[in-house]
């Protein structure tokens, strides 16, 4: 009888984001919020 056991090691490392990526994410988030606000205002009129 043969028993094979596998051992897995999973390393999770926090990913460092660049300054450009952080700025891009901030701009995208702001535009999404502005769009949501405009849509909400438009829906309020109907």
Protein backbone atom coordinates (compact mmCIF):
# COMPACT_ATOMS: atom_id res chain seq x y z
CA UNK A 1 0.00 0.00 0.00
CA UNK A 2 1.37 3.38 -0.97
CA UNK A 3 0.18 6.61 0.58
CA UNK A 4 1.20 9.78 -1.15
CA UNK A 5 0.83 12.99 0.78
CA UNK A 6 1.29 16.39 -0.82
CA UNK A 7 2.29 19.38 1.24
CA UNK A 8 1.42 22.76 -0.19
CA UNK A 9 2.83 26.03 1.02
CA UNK A 10 0.97 29.11 -0.05
CA UNK A 11 2.62 32.44 0.48
CA UNK A 12 0.52 35.55 0.24
CA UNK A 13 2.42 38.76 -0.12
CA UNK A 14 0.83 42.17 -0.16
CA UNK A 15 1.27 43.69 -3.58
CA UNK A 16 2.87 47.08 -3.68
CA UNK A 17 1.08 49.46 -6.03
CA UNK A 18 2.86 52.19 -7.89
CA UNK A 19 2.04 55.86 -7.50
CA UNK A 20 0.61 55.98 -11.04
CA UNK A 21 -1.70 53.06 -10.31
CA UNK A 22 -2.87 54.64 -7.04
CA UNK A 23 -3.66 57.91 -8.83
CA UNK A 24 -5.47 56.04 -11.60
CA UNK A 25 -7.60 54.13 -9.09
CA UNK A 26 -8.48 57.37 -7.30
CA UNK A 27 -9.54 59.06 -10.55
CA UNK A 28 -11.65 56.05 -11.56
CA UNK A 29 -13.31 55.92 -8.13
CA UNK A 30 -14.12 59.65 -8.28
CA UNK A 31 -15.62 59.35 -11.78
CA UNK A 32 -17.73 56.37 -10.71
CA UNK A 33 -19.07 58.34 -7.74
CA UNK A 34 -19.86 61.34 -9.94
CA UNK A 35 -21.65 59.12 -12.45
CA UNK A 36 -23.67 57.45 -9.71
CA UNK A 37 -24.68 60.84 -8.31
CA UNK A 38 -25.78 62.08 -11.75
CA UNK A 39 -27.80 58.90 -12.33
CA UNK A 40 -29.42 59.22 -8.93
CA UNK A 41 -30.37 62.85 -9.64
CA UNK A 42 -31.84 61.89 -13.02
CA UNK A 43 -33.91 59.08 -11.48
CA UNK A 44 -35.24 61.51 -8.88
CA UNK A 45 -36.85 63.58 -11.63
CA UNK A 46 -39.03 60.70 -12.87
